[in-house]
C-alpha atoms as a PDB file:
ATOM      1  CA  MET A   1      51.093 -13.472-140.496  1.00  0.00           C
ATOM      2  CA  THR A   2      48.417 -11.370-139.941  1.00  0.00           C
ATOM      3  CA  VAL A   3      44.888 -11.657-137.952  1.00  0.00           C
ATOM      4  CA  LEU A   4      41.743 -11.340-139.454  1.00  0.00           C
ATOM      5  CA  VAL A   5      40.191  -8.472-136.723  1.00  0.00           C
ATOM      6  CA  ASP A   6      37.147  -9.085-134.408  1.00  0.00           C
ATOM      7  CA  ASP A   7      34.487  -6.949-136.176  1.00  0.00           C
ATOM      8  CA  PRO A   8      31.891  -7.148-134.214  1.00  0.00           C
ATOM      9  CA  LEU A   9      29.289  -6.051-136.770  1.00  0.00           C
ATOM     10  CA  ILE A  10      29.997  -9.149-138.061  1.00  0.00           C
ATOM     11  CA  SER A  11      31.087 -11.137-135.793  1.00  0.00           C
ATOM     12  CA  SER A  12      27.516 -10.972-134.546  1.00  0.00           C
ATOM     13  CA  MET A  13      25.593 -12.170-138.364  1.00  0.00           C
ATOM     14  CA  ALA A  14      23.464 -14.536-137.518  1.00  0.00           C
ATOM     15  CA  ILE A  15      24.182 -17.354-140.584  1.00  0.00           C
ATOM     16  CA  ALA A  16      21.143 -19.600-139.852  1.00  0.00           C
ATOM     17  CA  GLN A  17      22.053 -21.273-143.600  1.00  0.00           C
ATOM     18  CA  SER A  18      25.806 -20.799-144.617  1.00  0.00           C
ATOM     19  CA  LEU A  19      25.504 -20.392-148.883  1.00  0.00           C
ATOM     20  CA  PRO A  20      28.049 -19.336-151.089  1.00  0.00           C
ATOM     21  CA  LEU A  21      27.798 -15.610-150.808  1.00  0.00           C
ATOM     22  CA  HIS A  22      28.726 -16.636-147.461  1.00  0.00           C
ATOM     23  CA  GLU A  23      31.636 -18.291-148.234  1.00  0.00           C
ATOM     24  CA  SER A  24      32.785 -15.879-151.304  1.00  0.00           C
ATOM     25  CA  SER A  25      32.841 -12.981-148.467  1.00  0.00           C
ATOM     26  CA  ARG A  26      34.234 -14.731-146.567  1.00  0.00           C
ATOM     27  CA  ARG A  27      37.240 -15.015-148.350  1.00  0.00           C
ATOM     28  CA  LEU A  28      37.258 -11.403-149.644  1.00  0.00           C
ATOM     29  CA  ARG A  29      37.268  -9.972-146.175  1.00  0.00           C
ATOM     30  CA  GLU A  30      40.766 -12.896-145.644  1.00  0.00           C
ATOM     31  CA  LEU A  31      41.832  -9.805-148.792  1.00  0.00           C
ATOM     32  CA  TYR A  32      42.314  -7.638-146.095  1.00  0.00           C
ATOM     33  CA  PRO A  33      41.895  -8.918-142.222  1.00  0.00           C
ATOM     34  CA  GLU A  34      42.639  -5.148-141.270  1.00  0.00           C
ATOM     35  CA  CYS A  35      39.252  -3.957-142.215  1.00  0.00           C
ATOM     36  CA  PRO A  36      37.643  -6.726-143.220  1.00  0.00           C
ATOM     37  CA  ARG A  37      34.030  -4.739-144.635  1.00  0.00           C
ATOM     38  CA  VAL A  38      36.743  -2.913-147.292  1.00  0.00           C
ATOM     39  CA  TYR A  39      35.447  -6.871-149.932  1.00  0.00           C
ATOM     40  CA  GLY A  40      32.086  -8.608-149.780  1.00  0.00           C
ATOM     41  CA  VAL A  41      29.079  -8.263-148.399  1.00  0.00           C
ATOM     42  CA  ALA A  42      26.723  -9.233-145.473  1.00  0.00           C
ATOM     43  CA  VAL A  43      23.396 -10.961-146.458  1.00  0.00           C
ATOM     44  CA  ILE A  44      20.756  -8.516-144.497  1.00  0.00           C
ATOM     45  CA  GLY A  45      18.125 -11.207-143.735  1.00  0.00           C
ATOM     46  CA  ASP A  46      22.109 -12.389-141.265  1.00  0.00           C
ATOM     47  CA  LEU A  47      21.996  -8.948-138.938  1.00  0.00           C
ATOM     48  CA  SER A  48      19.570  -6.325-137.263  1.00  0.00           C
ATOM     49  CA  ARG A  49      18.918  -3.862-139.219  1.00  0.00           C
ATOM     50  CA  ARG A  50      20.510  -0.529-136.511  1.00  0.00           C
ATOM     51  CA  ARG A  51      22.487   1.963-139.343  1.00  0.00           C
ATOM     52  CA  TRP A  52      21.422   0.211-142.430  1.00  0.00           C
ATOM     53  CA  TRP A  53      19.478   2.134-144.747  1.00  0.00           C
ATOM     54  CA  PRO A  54      18.225   0.547-148.512  1.00  0.00           C
ATOM     55  CA  LEU A  55      19.716   2.532-150.993  1.00  0.00           C
ATOM     56  CA  THR A  56      17.434   3.632-152.704  1.00  0.00           C
ATOM     57  CA  GLN A  57      16.797   5.696-149.983  1.00  0.00           C
ATOM     58  CA  ALA A  58      19.375   7.228-151.313  1.00  0.00           C
ATOM     59  CA  LEU A  59      17.215   8.419-154.064  1.00  0.00           C
ATOM     60  CA  THR A  60      13.468   8.590-152.094  1.00  0.00           C
ATOM     61  CA  THR A  61      14.846  10.642-149.501  1.00  0.00           C
ATOM     62  CA  ASP A  62      17.268  13.276-148.595  1.00  0.00           C
ATOM     63  CA  ARG A  63      20.341  10.837-147.446  1.00  0.00           C
ATOM     64  CA  LEU A  64      21.883  11.506-150.071  1.00  0.00           C
ATOM     65  CA  ASP A  65      22.026  15.259-149.648  1.00  0.00           C
ATOM     66  CA  SER A  66      22.663  14.751-145.591  1.00  0.00           C
ATOM     67  CA  MET A  67      25.031  13.034-146.454  1.00  0.00           C
ATOM     68  CA  PHE A  68      26.136  16.573-149.119  1.00  0.00           C
ATOM     69  CA  LYS A  69      25.769  18.685-147.207  1.00  0.00           C
ATOM     70  CA  LEU A  70      28.231  17.011-143.623  1.00  0.00           C
ATOM     71  CA  ALA A  71      30.704  16.264-146.249  1.00  0.00           C
ATOM     72  CA  ALA A  72      31.140  20.627-147.162  1.00  0.00           C
ATOM     73  CA  GLU A  73      31.475  21.933-143.952  1.00  0.00           C
ATOM     74  CA  GLU A  74      34.591  20.594-143.793  1.00  0.00           C
ATOM     75  CA  THR A  75      35.998  21.430-146.729  1.00  0.00           C
ATOM     76  CA  GLU A  76      35.892  24.513-149.699  1.00  0.00           C
ATOM     77  CA  SER A  77      35.703  22.103-152.218  1.00  0.00           C
ATOM     78  CA  ARG A  78      32.514  21.051-153.467  1.00  0.00           C
ATOM     79  CA  ALA A  79      33.978  19.191-156.452  1.00  0.00           C
ATOM     80  CA  ALA A  80      35.889  17.257-154.160  1.00  0.00           C
ATOM     81  CA  VAL A  81      32.912  15.755-152.384  1.00  0.00           C
ATOM     82  CA  ALA A  82      30.811  14.930-155.249  1.00  0.00           C
ATOM     83  CA  GLN A  83      33.743  13.593-156.194  1.00  0.00           C
ATOM     84  CA  GLN A  84      34.658  11.594-152.819  1.00  0.00           C
ATOM     85  CA  LEU A  85      30.678  10.444-152.891  1.00  0.00           C
ATOM     86  CA  ALA A  86      31.542   9.413-156.417  1.00  0.00           C
ATOM     87  CA  ALA A  87      34.320   7.226-155.479  1.00  0.00           C
ATOM     88  CA  THR A  88      31.809   5.984-152.520  1.00  0.00           C
ATOM     89  CA  LEU A  89      28.652   5.106-154.555  1.00  0.00           C
ATOM     90  CA  ALA A  90      30.979   3.423-157.632  1.00  0.00           C
ATOM     91  CA  HIS A  91      32.639   1.074-154.921  1.00  0.00           C
ATOM     92  CA  VAL A  92      28.953   0.418-153.060  1.00  0.00           C
ATOM     93  CA  VAL A  93      28.425  -0.691-156.524  1.00  0.00           C
ATOM     94  CA  VAL A  94      31.109  -2.139-159.214  1.00  0.00           C
ATOM     95  CA  GLY A  95      34.264  -2.042-156.311  1.00  0.00           C
ATOM     96  CA  ARG A  96      33.208  -4.164-154.171  1.00  0.00           C
ATOM     97  CA  VAL A  97      31.876  -6.637-156.882  1.00  0.00           C
ATOM     98  CA  VAL A  98      34.683  -6.210-159.345  1.00  0.00           C
ATOM     99  CA  PRO A  99      36.668  -8.203-156.978  1.00  0.00           C
ATOM    100  CA  LEU A 100      34.606 -11.172-156.420  1.00  0.00           C
ATOM    101  CA  ILE A 101      34.626 -11.238-160.428  1.00  0.00           C
ATOM    102  CA  VAL A 102      38.258 -11.708-160.835  1.00  0.00           C
ATOM    103  CA  LEU A 103      38.931 -14.270-157.786  1.00  0.00           C
ATOM    104  CA  GLU A 104      36.262 -16.351-158.340  1.00  0.00           C
ATOM    105  CA  GLY A 105      34.014 -16.371-161.238  1.00  0.00           C
ATOM    106  CA  ARG A 106      31.250 -15.893-159.459  1.00  0.00           C
ATOM    107  CA  ALA A 107      28.613 -12.172-158.781  1.00  0.00           C
ATOM    108  CA  TRP A 108      26.024 -10.620-156.757  1.00  0.00           C
ATOM    109  CA  ASP A 109      23.272  -8.838-158.257  1.00  0.00           C
ATOM    110  CA  THR A 110      23.838  -5.011-158.150  1.00  0.00           C
ATOM    111  CA  GLY A 111      20.217  -4.306-158.477  1.00  0.00           C
ATOM    112  CA  LEU A 112      19.326  -1.237-156.968  1.00  0.00           C
ATOM    113  CA  GLU A 113      16.457  -3.047-155.163  1.00  0.00           C
ATOM    114  CA  ASN A 114      18.804  -5.549-153.797  1.00  0.00           C
ATOM    115  CA  LEU A 115      21.903  -3.260-152.190  1.00  0.00           C
ATOM    116  CA  TRP A 116      21.353  -2.022-148.345  1.00  0.00           C
ATOM    117  CA  VAL A 117      24.290   0.190-146.849  1.00  0.00           C
ATOM    118  CA  HIS A 118      25.784   0.387-143.326  1.00  0.00           C
ATOM    119  CA  VAL A 119      26.798   3.865-142.074  1.00  0.00           C
ATOM    120  CA  ASP A 120      29.100   4.364-139.611  1.00  0.00           C
ATOM    121  CA  SER A 121      28.503   7.387-136.033  1.00  0.00           C
ATOM    122  CA  GLU A 122      29.365   9.517-138.346  1.00  0.00           C
ATOM    123  CA  GLY A 123      26.790   8.484-141.897  1.00  0.00           C
ATOM    124  CA  ALA A 124      29.821   7.386-143.646  1.00  0.00           C
ATOM    125  CA  ILE A 125      28.713   4.173-145.616  1.00  0.00           C
ATOM    126  CA  ASP A 126      30.901   1.370-144.570  1.00  0.00           C
ATOM    127  CA  TRP A 127      29.503  -1.466-145.772  1.00  0.00           C
ATOM    128  CA  VAL A 128      27.435  -2.762-147.871  1.00  0.00           C
ATOM    129  CA  GLY A 129      24.392  -5.099-147.539  1.00  0.00           C
ATOM    130  CA  VAL A 130      22.109  -7.528-150.215  1.00  0.00           C
ATOM    131  CA  ALA A 131      18.366  -8.953-149.633  1.00  0.00           C
ATOM    132  CA  ASP A 132      18.348 -11.338-151.989  1.00  0.00           C
ATOM    133  CA  PRO A 133      21.999 -13.617-151.626  1.00  0.00           C
ATOM    134  CA  THR A 134      21.801 -15.434-154.581  1.00  0.00           C
ATOM    135  CA  LEU A 135      25.156 -15.344-156.736  1.00  0.00           C
ATOM    136  CA  ARG A 136      25.876 -15.793-160.077  1.00  0.00           C
ATOM    137  CA  ALA A 137      28.645 -18.335-161.163  1.00  0.00           C
ATOM    138  CA  LEU A 138      30.373 -19.914-164.399  1.00  0.00           C
ATOM    139  CA  PRO A 139      29.859 -23.403-164.993  1.00  0.00           C
ATOM    140  CA  ASP A 140      33.095 -24.771-164.357  1.00  0.00           C
ATOM    141  CA  ASP A 141      31.958 -23.678-160.625  1.00  0.00           C
ATOM    142  CA  PRO A 142      34.075 -25.499-158.041  1.00  0.00           C
ATOM    143  CA  TYR A 143      30.441 -25.496-156.034  1.00  0.00           C
ATOM    144  CA  PHE A 144      29.164 -27.526-158.398  1.00  0.00           C
ATOM    145  CA  CYS A 145      31.999 -30.629-158.725  1.00  0.00           C
ATOM    146  CA  GLY A 146      30.739 -33.574-157.948  1.00  0.00           C
ATOM    147  CA  ARG A 147      26.788 -31.883-159.070  1.00  0.00           C
ATOM    148  CA  ARG A 148      24.437 -32.348-161.417  1.00  0.00           C
ATOM    149  CA  ALA A 149      25.386 -30.863-164.791  1.00  0.00           C
ATOM    150  CA  PRO A 150      23.978 -27.193-163.617  1.00  0.00           C
ATOM    151  CA  ARG A 151      21.491 -25.417-166.133  1.00  0.00           C
ATOM    152  CA  THR A 152      21.231 -22.154-167.080  1.00  0.00           C
ATOM    153  CA  ASN A 153      17.376 -21.446-166.081  1.00  0.00           C
ATOM    154  CA  GLY A 154      18.266 -23.520-162.817  1.00  0.00           C
ATOM    155  CA  SER A 155      16.638 -22.888-159.916  1.00  0.00           C
ATOM    156  CA  ALA A 156      18.443 -20.199-156.850  1.00  0.00           C
ATOM    157  CA  ARG A 157      17.027 -22.899-154.317  1.00  0.00           C
ATOM    158  CA  ASP A 158      21.054 -23.234-153.092  1.00  0.00           C
ATOM    159  CA  GLY A 159      21.884 -19.710-153.421  1.00  0.00           C
ATOM    160  CA  ILE A 160      23.989 -20.135-156.655  1.00  0.00           C
ATOM    161  CA  VAL A 161      22.929 -20.600-160.119  1.00  0.00           C
ATOM    162  CA  VAL A 162      24.716 -20.589-163.345  1.00  0.00           C
ATOM    163  CA  LEU A 163      25.814 -18.531-165.719  1.00  0.00           C
ATOM    164  CA  PRO A 164      27.058 -20.097-170.106  1.00  0.00           C
ATOM    165  CA  ASN A 165      30.161 -17.564-169.405  1.00  0.00           C
ATOM    166  CA  GLU A 166      32.120 -15.395-168.400  1.00  0.00           C
ATOM    167  CA  ALA A 167      31.191 -12.463-170.806  1.00  0.00           C
ATOM    168  CA  ALA A 168      26.783 -13.715-169.844  1.00  0.00           C
ATOM    169  CA  LEU A 169      28.545 -12.643-165.565  1.00  0.00           C
ATOM    170  CA  THR A 170      30.092  -9.743-167.133  1.00  0.00           C
ATOM    171  CA  THR A 171      27.603  -8.456-169.122  1.00  0.00           C
ATOM    172  CA  TRP A 172      24.809  -9.343-166.898  1.00  0.00           C
ATOM    173  CA  ILE A 173      26.949  -7.682-163.705  1.00  0.00           C
ATOM    174  CA  ALA A 174      28.212  -4.116-166.336  1.00  0.00           C
ATOM    175  CA  HIS A 175      23.666  -3.680-166.848  1.00  0.00           C
ATOM    176  CA  ARG A 176      22.576  -4.367-163.393  1.00  0.00           C
ATOM    177  CA  SER A 177      25.224  -1.611-161.843  1.00  0.00           C
ATOM    178  CA  HIS A 178      24.753   0.141-164.785  1.00  0.00           C
ATOM    179  CA  ARG A 179      21.485   0.681-164.362  1.00  0.00           C
ATOM    180  CA  THR A 180      21.734   1.419-160.248  1.00  0.00           C
ATOM    181  CA  LEU A 181      24.555   4.012-160.659  1.00  0.00           C
ATOM    182  CA  GLU A 182      22.828   6.137-163.314  1.00  0.00           C
ATOM    183  CA  PRO A 183      19.759   7.256-161.096  1.00  0.00           C
ATOM    184  CA  LEU A 184      22.329   7.111-158.427  1.00  0.00           C
ATOM    185  CA  PHE A 185      24.409   9.499-160.879  1.00  0.00           C
ATOM    186  CA  GLY A 186      22.436  11.676-161.009  1.00  0.00           C
ATOM    187  CA  ARG A 187      20.558  12.052-158.320  1.00  0.00           C
ATOM    188  CA  LEU A 188      24.540  13.506-156.981  1.00  0.00           C
ATOM    189  CA  ALA A 189      25.117  16.194-159.511  1.00  0.00           C
ATOM    190  CA  GLU A 190      21.455  17.404-157.997  1.00  0.00           C
ATOM    191  CA  VAL A 191      22.750  18.080-154.882  1.00  0.00           C
ATOM    192  CA  SER A 192      25.796  18.740-155.410  1.00  0.00           C
ATOM    193  CA  GLY A 193      24.645  21.554-158.152  1.00  0.00           C
ATOM    194  CA  SER A 194      25.906  19.203-160.812  1.00  0.00           C
ATOM    195  CA  ALA A 195      30.062  20.549-158.795  1.00  0.00           C
ATOM    196  CA  ILE A 196      31.165  17.256-161.369  1.00  0.00           C
ATOM    197  CA  SER A 197      29.804  16.057-164.359  1.00  0.00           C
ATOM    198  CA  ILE A 198      28.033  12.492-164.722  1.00  0.00           C
ATOM    199  CA  ALA A 199      30.279  11.507-167.591  1.00  0.00           C
ATOM    200  CA  ALA A 200      33.360  11.849-164.469  1.00  0.00           C
ATOM    201  CA  MET A 201      31.190   9.544-162.478  1.00  0.00           C
ATOM    202  CA  TRP A 202      31.451   7.386-164.969  1.00  0.00           C
ATOM    203  CA  HIS A 203      35.482   7.834-165.098  1.00  0.00           C
ATOM    204  CA  ILE A 204      35.924   6.974-161.145  1.00  0.00           C
ATOM    205  CA  VAL A 205      34.204   3.902-161.961  1.00  0.00           C
ATOM    206  CA  GLY A 206      36.061   2.873-164.123  1.00  0.00           C
ATOM    207  CA  ALA A 207      39.450   3.490-161.921  1.00  0.00           C
ATOM    208  CA  ALA A 208      37.641   1.348-159.074  1.00  0.00           C
ATOM    209  CA  VAL A 209      37.057  -1.797-161.938  1.00  0.00           C
ATOM    210  CA  VAL A 210      41.138  -1.360-163.076  1.00  0.00           C
ATOM    211  CA  SER A 211      41.763  -1.009-159.149  1.00  0.00           C
ATOM    212  CA  ALA A 212      40.111  -3.722-158.354  1.00  0.00           C
ATOM    213  CA  ALA A 213      40.684  -5.911-160.523  1.00  0.00           C
ATOM    214  CA  THR A 214      44.499  -5.760-160.973  1.00  0.00           C
ATOM    215  CA  GLN A 215      44.595  -5.517-156.135  1.00  0.00           C
ATOM    216  CA  VAL A 216      43.008  -8.968-156.508  1.00  0.00           C
ATOM    217  CA  PRO A 217      45.592 -10.732-157.545  1.00  0.00           C
ATOM    218  CA  LEU A 218      48.487  -9.053-155.316  1.00  0.00           C
ATOM    219  CA  LEU A 219      46.264  -9.678-151.824  1.00  0.00           C
ATOM    220  CA  ALA A 220      45.493 -13.288-153.004  1.00  0.00           C
ATOM    221  CA  GLY A 221      48.130 -14.680-155.312  1.00  0.00           C
ATOM    222  CA  SER A 222      46.191 -15.192-157.900  1.00  0.00           C
ATOM    223  CA  SER A 223      46.348 -15.369-161.592  1.00  0.00           C
ATOM    224  CA  GLU A 224      46.936 -12.084-162.820  1.00  0.00           C
ATOM    225  CA  LEU A 225      46.005 -12.385-166.739  1.00  0.00           C
ATOM    226  CA  THR A 226      42.113 -14.349-165.640  1.00  0.00           C
ATOM    227  CA  SER A 227      42.175 -10.563-163.895  1.00  0.00           C
ATOM    228  CA  MET A 228      42.833  -8.063-166.177  1.00  0.00           C
ATOM    229  CA  ARG A 229      40.867 -10.509-168.656  1.00  0.00           C
ATOM    230  CA  ARG A 230      37.257 -10.080-166.593  1.00  0.00           C
ATOM    231  CA  GLY A 231      38.078  -6.710-165.600  1.00  0.00           C
ATOM    232  CA  GLN A 232      38.835  -5.479-169.640  1.00  0.00           C
ATOM    233  CA  ALA A 233      35.478  -7.580-170.045  1.00  0.00           C
ATOM    234  CA  VAL A 234      33.531  -5.981-167.581  1.00  0.00           C
ATOM    235  CA  LEU A 235      34.269  -2.235-168.701  1.00  0.00           C
ATOM    236  CA  ASP A 236      34.268  -2.764-171.850  1.00  0.00           C
ATOM    237  CA  ALA A 237      30.390  -4.052-170.624  1.00  0.00           C
ATOM    238  CA  LEU A 238      30.032  -0.375-169.391  1.00  0.00           C
ATOM    239  CA  VAL A 239      31.526   1.343-173.092  1.00  0.00           C
ATOM    240  CA  GLY A 240      28.752  -1.550-175.284  1.00  0.00           C
ATOM    241  CA  PHE A 241      26.225   0.527-172.292  1.00  0.00           C
ATOM    242  CA  GLY A 242      27.441   3.895-173.966  1.00  0.00           C
ATOM    243  CA  LEU A 243      28.432   4.853-170.250  1.00  0.00           C
ATOM    244  CA  PRO A 244      32.031   7.254-170.434  1.00  0.00           C
ATOM    245  CA  VAL A 245      34.259   4.824-168.240  1.00  0.00           C
ATOM    246  CA  ARG A 246      37.531   5.439-170.208  1.00  0.00           C
ATOM    247  CA  GLY A 247      39.237   8.105-169.537  1.00  0.00           C
ATOM    248  CA  THR A 248      43.127  10.033-168.258  1.00  0.00           C
ATOM    249  CA  THR A 249      42.875   7.621-164.710  1.00  0.00           C
ATOM    250  CA  ARG A 250      45.605   5.089-164.312  1.00  0.00           C
ATOM    251  CA  ALA A 251      45.948   2.673-162.733  1.00  0.00           C
ATOM    252  CA  PRO A 252      49.977   4.008-160.156  1.00  0.00           C
ATOM    253  CA  ALA A 253      52.692   2.781-162.184  1.00  0.00           C
ATOM    254  CA  GLY A 254      54.123  -0.504-161.234  1.00  0.00           C
ATOM    255  CA  ALA A 255      50.529  -1.973-159.967  1.00  0.00           C
ATOM    256  CA  GLY A 256      50.916  -5.262-163.276  1.00  0.00           C
ATOM    257  CA  THR A 257      47.981  -3.055-164.925  1.00  0.00           C
ATOM    258  CA  LYS A 258      49.370  -4.226-168.331  1.00  0.00           C
ATOM    259  CA  GLY A 259      46.542  -4.941-170.591  1.00  0.00           C
ATOM    260  CA  LEU A 260      43.772  -3.968-168.949  1.00  0.00           C
ATOM    261  CA  LEU A 261      42.989  -0.361-170.036  1.00  0.00           C
ATOM    262  CA  ASN A 262      40.619   2.713-168.443  1.00  0.00           C
END
């Protein structure tokens, strides 16, 4: 039996009120107990701010430039560094929330103003937090069982609000992620001297969606069909916004990707 690693950053969280996001993030951390920061997010209000900074600072300060220069010192390929940073940003914004969408039909807000990142001693991003912990969920979410029927315009008082259906949920998260990643990719292209194209960065986003949607059922023993349907809906919504997320990238053979097109 795999034991959940006692991560000091996670164990030091001071949770005053347990919200649906806390419960969902705990379940996501259990998907990969050896590295509990891979999935899920933290709530910024539960933490000290040491080594945390708002993702908006990637646009308003030289943080992204410093990350690129530091990584470029270790390799001769500027394209490889840009690709790695694009993958990091894609995971921060999309790669973490898609597992929750496909597993529980829930999502936190991936808006730029809502996301924070934690960096390790070398300045690399190793965890993500949210300022507003409110989740969006589907009408049949277990949270609403036994409660008064939720309203789509209901209050976020309890940390969760309902959206009418899967299409609304996946379109909302695609829109919020698009508005976050678009300026970040533009900034990355600027600091890297366009070492890779912005289209290539969006292909990486598509690969992140496919990877999450195929890996989660393997880790959680959940429905592959539900995961593929929801992952496909996120991709379709991104395509609907004119984003080139469908590229030549494919998940590894045998990963159970039948029906999920990238």
